[in-house]
Amino acid sequence: MNNTIKESKEARQRKVLERLEKFSHFTDSSIGIPFTKFQLGAESVIGMLPVVGDIAGLVLSSYVLVEAQRVGATKEVKLRMLRNIIIDFVGGLLPVVGDAFDAIFKANTRNTHLLKSYLEEQLATEPPAQPFPWRTLIGLSIFFALLTGGLILLF
């Protein structure tokens, strides 16, 4: 049963990562610039709208953080993700160079990699085996012995 729980947790985490990788690709690298290897995403294009685009990018970036919360990422991982989101937001607000910064920094891809590393580390470490419940076994044995002895004396 423990294996089944582990497999379902792993499958759920793999689905989250697959969703986030698609999301990150769309927001950070879905549009190729012809004759270059450089790619930008929907967030970079949206970010070209002054202030409103940057706020929309901030909202989009928070999705990865929400997913990290759902899968139980540590506080440290979520703080690193939040740092990336803030850097991306503040960098995008800079006049002129902000749009280029948005296209280069790719906070969603960075955060997806952070979460992926965290989840792979969690899947690699097997939780320690629970010790055998000797006290419970002995206690139940004594209880059933007394109960059986009491019933024998009654009949």
C-alpha atoms as a PDB file:
ATOM      1  CA  MET A   1       0.000   0.000   0.000  1.00  0.00           C
ATOM      2  CA  ASN A   2       2.848   2.377   0.849  1.00  0.00           C
ATOM      3  CA  ASN A   3       4.216   1.780  -2.656  1.00  0.00           C
ATOM      4  CA  THR A   4       0.842   2.706  -4.166  1.00  0.00           C
ATOM      5  CA  ILE A   5       0.724   5.953  -2.191  1.00  0.00           C
ATOM      6  CA  LYS A   6       4.280   6.767  -3.261  1.00  0.00           C
ATOM      7  CA  GLU A   7       3.437   6.021  -6.914  1.00  0.00           C
ATOM      8  CA  SER A   8       0.309   8.194  -6.866  1.00  0.00           C
ATOM      9  CA  LYS A   9       2.221  11.037  -5.204  1.00  0.00           C
ATOM     10  CA  GLU A  10       4.981  10.684  -7.784  1.00  0.00           C
ATOM     11  CA  ALA A  11       2.449  10.626 -10.649  1.00  0.00           C
ATOM     12  CA  ARG A  12       0.751  13.750  -9.273  1.00  0.00           C
ATOM     13  CA  GLN A  13       4.099  15.531  -8.967  1.00  0.00           C
ATOM     14  CA  ARG A  14       5.072  14.505 -12.513  1.00  0.00           C
ATOM     15  CA  LYS A  15       1.784  15.947 -13.828  1.00  0.00           C
ATOM     16  CA  VAL A  16       2.428  19.215 -11.982  1.00  0.00           C
ATOM     17  CA  LEU A  17       5.925  19.417 -13.457  1.00  0.00           C
ATOM     18  CA  GLU A  18       4.643  18.645 -16.944  1.00  0.00           C
ATOM     19  CA  ARG A  19       2.040  21.430 -16.620  1.00  0.00           C
ATOM     20  CA  LEU A  20       4.626  23.884 -15.292  1.00  0.00           C
ATOM     21  CA  GLU A  21       7.118  23.069 -18.028  1.00  0.00           C
ATOM     22  CA  LYS A  22       4.455  23.780 -20.673  1.00  0.00           C
ATOM     23  CA  PHE A  23       3.472  26.973 -18.851  1.00  0.00           C
ATOM     24  CA  SER A  24       7.098  28.113 -18.533  1.00  0.00           C
ATOM     25  CA  HIS A  25       7.768  27.396 -22.184  1.00  0.00           C
ATOM     26  CA  PHE A  26       4.699  29.422 -23.188  1.00  0.00           C
ATOM     27  CA  THR A  27       5.506  32.387 -20.941  1.00  0.00           C
ATOM     28  CA  ASP A  28       9.294  32.403 -21.419  1.00  0.00           C
ATOM     29  CA  SER A  29      10.328  30.722 -24.678  1.00  0.00           C
ATOM     30  CA  SER A  30       7.421  30.088 -27.038  1.00  0.00           C
ATOM     31  CA  ILE A  31       8.309  32.665 -29.701  1.00  0.00           C
ATOM     32  CA  GLY A  32      11.497  32.158 -31.655  1.00  0.00           C
ATOM     33  CA  ILE A  33      13.247  35.173 -33.119  1.00  0.00           C
ATOM     34  CA  PRO A  34      14.027  34.377 -36.778  1.00  0.00           C
ATOM     35  CA  PHE A  35      17.665  33.747 -37.708  1.00  0.00           C
ATOM     36  CA  THR A  36      18.716  33.545 -34.032  1.00  0.00           C
ATOM     37  CA  LYS A  37      18.687  30.936 -31.311  1.00  0.00           C
ATOM     38  CA  PHE A  38      16.994  33.412 -28.990  1.00  0.00           C
ATOM     39  CA  GLN A  39      13.427  32.831 -27.851  1.00  0.00           C
ATOM     40  CA  LEU A  40      11.045  34.946 -25.863  1.00  0.00           C
ATOM     41  CA  GLY A  41       7.653  34.178 -24.487  1.00  0.00           C
ATOM     42  CA  ALA A  42       4.194  35.578 -24.016  1.00  0.00           C
ATOM     43  CA  GLU A  43       5.243  37.262 -20.776  1.00  0.00           C
ATOM     44  CA  SER A  44       7.911  39.265 -22.606  1.00  0.00           C
ATOM     45  CA  VAL A  45       5.394  40.412 -25.191  1.00  0.00           C
ATOM     46  CA  ILE A  46       2.799  41.300 -22.540  1.00  0.00           C
ATOM     47  CA  GLY A  47       5.526  43.080 -20.548  1.00  0.00           C
ATOM     48  CA  MET A  48       5.972  45.571 -23.368  1.00  0.00           C
ATOM     49  CA  LEU A  49       2.810  47.284 -22.154  1.00  0.00           C
ATOM     50  CA  PRO A  50       4.057  49.791 -19.566  1.00  0.00           C
ATOM     51  CA  VAL A  51       3.203  48.871 -15.957  1.00  0.00           C
ATOM     52  CA  VAL A  52       0.032  46.908 -16.851  1.00  0.00           C
ATOM     53  CA  GLY A  53       2.078  44.325 -18.736  1.00  0.00           C
ATOM     54  CA  ASP A  54       4.505  43.996 -15.853  1.00  0.00           C
ATOM     55  CA  ILE A  55       1.644  43.471 -13.395  1.00  0.00           C
ATOM     56  CA  ALA A  56       0.149  40.842 -15.715  1.00  0.00           C
ATOM     57  CA  GLY A  57       3.562  39.145 -15.829  1.00  0.00           C
ATOM     58  CA  LEU A  58       3.691  39.202 -12.035  1.00  0.00           C
ATOM     59  CA  VAL A  59       0.294  37.506 -11.851  1.00  0.00           C
ATOM     60  CA  LEU A  60       1.363  34.890 -14.420  1.00  0.00           C
ATOM     61  CA  SER A  61       4.587  34.195 -12.528  1.00  0.00           C
ATOM     62  CA  SER A  62       2.712  33.619  -9.288  1.00  0.00           C
ATOM     63  CA  TYR A  63       1.122  30.496 -10.804  1.00  0.00           C
ATOM     64  CA  VAL A  64       4.371  28.538 -10.419  1.00  0.00           C
ATOM     65  CA  LEU A  65       4.564  29.630  -6.780  1.00  0.00           C
ATOM     66  CA  VAL A  66       0.976  28.497  -6.178  1.00  0.00           C
ATOM     67  CA  GLU A  67       1.786  25.075  -7.637  1.00  0.00           C
ATOM     68  CA  ALA A  68       4.859  24.865  -5.406  1.00  0.00           C
ATOM     69  CA  GLN A  69       2.607  25.486  -2.406  1.00  0.00           C
ATOM     70  CA  ARG A  70       0.201  22.770  -3.571  1.00  0.00           C
ATOM     71  CA  VAL A  71       2.894  20.110  -3.824  1.00  0.00           C
ATOM     72  CA  GLY A  72       4.358  21.043  -0.452  1.00  0.00           C
ATOM     73  CA  ALA A  73       7.624  22.709  -1.410  1.00  0.00           C
ATOM     74  CA  THR A  74       9.733  23.930   1.482  1.00  0.00           C
ATOM     75  CA  LYS A  75       9.734  27.520   2.648  1.00  0.00           C
ATOM     76  CA  GLU A  76      13.280  27.902   1.313  1.00  0.00           C
ATOM     77  CA  VAL A  77      12.288  26.826  -2.204  1.00  0.00           C
ATOM     78  CA  LYS A  78       9.250  29.127  -2.197  1.00  0.00           C
ATOM     79  CA  LEU A  79      11.346  32.072  -0.976  1.00  0.00           C
ATOM     80  CA  ARG A  80      13.856  31.506  -3.790  1.00  0.00           C
ATOM     81  CA  MET A  81      10.972  31.409  -6.248  1.00  0.00           C
ATOM     82  CA  LEU A  82       9.521  34.594  -4.792  1.00  0.00           C
ATOM     83  CA  ARG A  83      12.927  36.251  -5.119  1.00  0.00           C
ATOM     84  CA  ASN A  84      13.018  35.328  -8.816  1.00  0.00           C
ATOM     85  CA  ILE A  85       9.504  36.697  -9.321  1.00  0.00           C
ATOM     86  CA  ILE A  86      10.400  39.996  -7.632  1.00  0.00           C
ATOM     87  CA  ILE A  87      13.638  40.339  -9.618  1.00  0.00           C
ATOM     88  CA  ASP A  88      11.699  39.704 -12.838  1.00  0.00           C
ATOM     89  CA  PHE A  89       9.001  42.213 -11.893  1.00  0.00           C
ATOM     90  CA  VAL A  90      11.360  44.998 -10.777  1.00  0.00           C
ATOM     91  CA  GLY A  91      13.704  44.388 -13.712  1.00  0.00           C
ATOM     92  CA  GLY A  92      10.761  44.606 -16.107  1.00  0.00           C
ATOM     93  CA  LEU A  93       9.760  48.006 -14.701  1.00  0.00           C
ATOM     94  CA  LEU A  94      13.049  49.594 -15.794  1.00  0.00           C
ATOM     95  CA  PRO A  95      12.539  51.945 -18.733  1.00  0.00           C
ATOM     96  CA  VAL A  96      13.901  50.710 -22.083  1.00  0.00           C
ATOM     97  CA  VAL A  97      16.043  47.829 -20.757  1.00  0.00           C
ATOM     98  CA  GLY A  98      13.173  46.286 -18.782  1.00  0.00           C
ATOM     99  CA  ASP A  99      11.684  44.531 -21.803  1.00  0.00           C
ATOM    100  CA  ALA A 100      15.040  43.015 -22.698  1.00  0.00           C
ATOM    101  CA  PHE A 101      15.518  41.982 -19.071  1.00  0.00           C
ATOM    102  CA  ASP A 102      12.115  40.241 -19.118  1.00  0.00           C
ATOM    103  CA  ALA A 103      13.106  38.319 -22.223  1.00  0.00           C
ATOM    104  CA  ILE A 104      16.431  37.215 -20.750  1.00  0.00           C
ATOM    105  CA  PHE A 105      15.721  36.514 -17.067  1.00  0.00           C
ATOM    106  CA  LYS A 106      12.893  33.929 -17.582  1.00  0.00           C
ATOM    107  CA  ALA A 107      11.688  33.692 -13.982  1.00  0.00           C
ATOM    108  CA  ASN A 108       9.061  31.029 -14.713  1.00  0.00           C
ATOM    109  CA  THR A 109      11.632  28.688 -16.224  1.00  0.00           C
ATOM    110  CA  ARG A 110      13.975  29.290 -13.281  1.00  0.00           C
ATOM    111  CA  ASN A 111      11.191  28.600 -10.795  1.00  0.00           C
ATOM    112  CA  THR A 112      10.053  25.473 -12.615  1.00  0.00           C
ATOM    113  CA  HIS A 113      13.645  24.184 -12.478  1.00  0.00           C
ATOM    114  CA  LEU A 114      13.791  24.966  -8.749  1.00  0.00           C
ATOM    115  CA  LEU A 115      10.585  23.037  -8.114  1.00  0.00           C
ATOM    116  CA  LYS A 116      11.694  20.178 -10.358  1.00  0.00           C
ATOM    117  CA  SER A 117      14.982  19.850  -8.465  1.00  0.00           C
ATOM    118  CA  TYR A 118      13.134  19.909  -5.155  1.00  0.00           C
ATOM    119  CA  LEU A 119      10.601  17.256  -6.234  1.00  0.00           C
ATOM    120  CA  GLU A 120      13.252  14.980  -7.728  1.00  0.00           C
ATOM    121  CA  GLU A 121      15.195  15.235  -4.484  1.00  0.00           C
ATOM    122  CA  GLN A 122      12.035  14.306  -2.563  1.00  0.00           C
ATOM    123  CA  LEU A 123      11.324  11.337  -4.826  1.00  0.00           C
ATOM    124  CA  ALA A 124      14.913  10.102  -4.514  1.00  0.00           C
ATOM    125  CA  THR A 125      14.864  10.093  -0.732  1.00  0.00           C
ATOM    126  CA  GLU A 126      12.760   7.286   0.562  1.00  0.00           C
ATOM    127  CA  PRO A 127      11.140   8.074   3.900  1.00  0.00           C
ATOM    128  CA  PRO A 128      12.611   6.079   6.794  1.00  0.00           C
ATOM    129  CA  ALA A 129      10.796   2.873   7.646  1.00  0.00           C
ATOM    130  CA  GLN A 130       8.544   3.108  10.658  1.00  0.00           C
ATOM    131  CA  PRO A 131       9.758   1.026  13.628  1.00  0.00           C
ATOM    132  CA  PHE A 132       7.748  -2.062  14.420  1.00  0.00           C
ATOM    133  CA  PRO A 133       5.086  -1.209  17.033  1.00  0.00           C
ATOM    134  CA  TRP A 134       6.248  -3.651  19.710  1.00  0.00           C
ATOM    135  CA  ARG A 135       4.511  -1.827  22.541  1.00  0.00           C
ATOM    136  CA  THR A 136       1.192  -1.912  20.736  1.00  0.00           C
ATOM    137  CA  LEU A 137       1.616  -5.620  19.945  1.00  0.00           C
ATOM    138  CA  ILE A 138       2.493  -6.477  23.545  1.00  0.00           C
ATOM    139  CA  GLY A 139      -0.311  -4.290  24.910  1.00  0.00           C
ATOM    140  CA  LEU A 140      -2.900  -5.852  22.611  1.00  0.00           C
ATOM    141  CA  SER A 141      -1.607  -9.349  23.432  1.00  0.00           C
ATOM    142  CA  ILE A 142      -2.002  -8.712  27.158  1.00  0.00           C
ATOM    143  CA  PHE A 143      -5.457  -7.195  26.620  1.00  0.00           C
ATOM    144  CA  PHE A 144      -6.659 -10.193  24.545  1.00  0.00           C
ATOM    145  CA  ALA A 145      -5.104 -12.633  27.042  1.00  0.00           C
ATOM    146  CA  LEU A 146      -6.977 -10.956  29.901  1.00  0.00           C
ATOM    147  CA  LEU A 147     -10.174 -10.822  27.872  1.00  0.00           C
ATOM    148  CA  THR A 148      -9.864 -14.492  26.901  1.00  0.00           C
ATOM    149  CA  GLY A 149      -8.992 -15.489  30.476  1.00  0.00           C
ATOM    150  CA  GLY A 150     -11.970 -13.510  31.795  1.00  0.00           C
ATOM    151  CA  LEU A 151     -14.323 -15.157  29.314  1.00  0.00           C
ATOM    152  CA  ILE A 152     -13.014 -18.625  30.222  1.00  0.00           C
ATOM    153  CA  LEU A 153     -13.595 -17.953  33.922  1.00  0.00           C
ATOM    154  CA  LEU A 154     -17.172 -16.785  33.208  1.00  0.00           C
ATOM    155  CA  PHE A 155     -18.108 -19.922  31.281  1.00  0.00           C
END
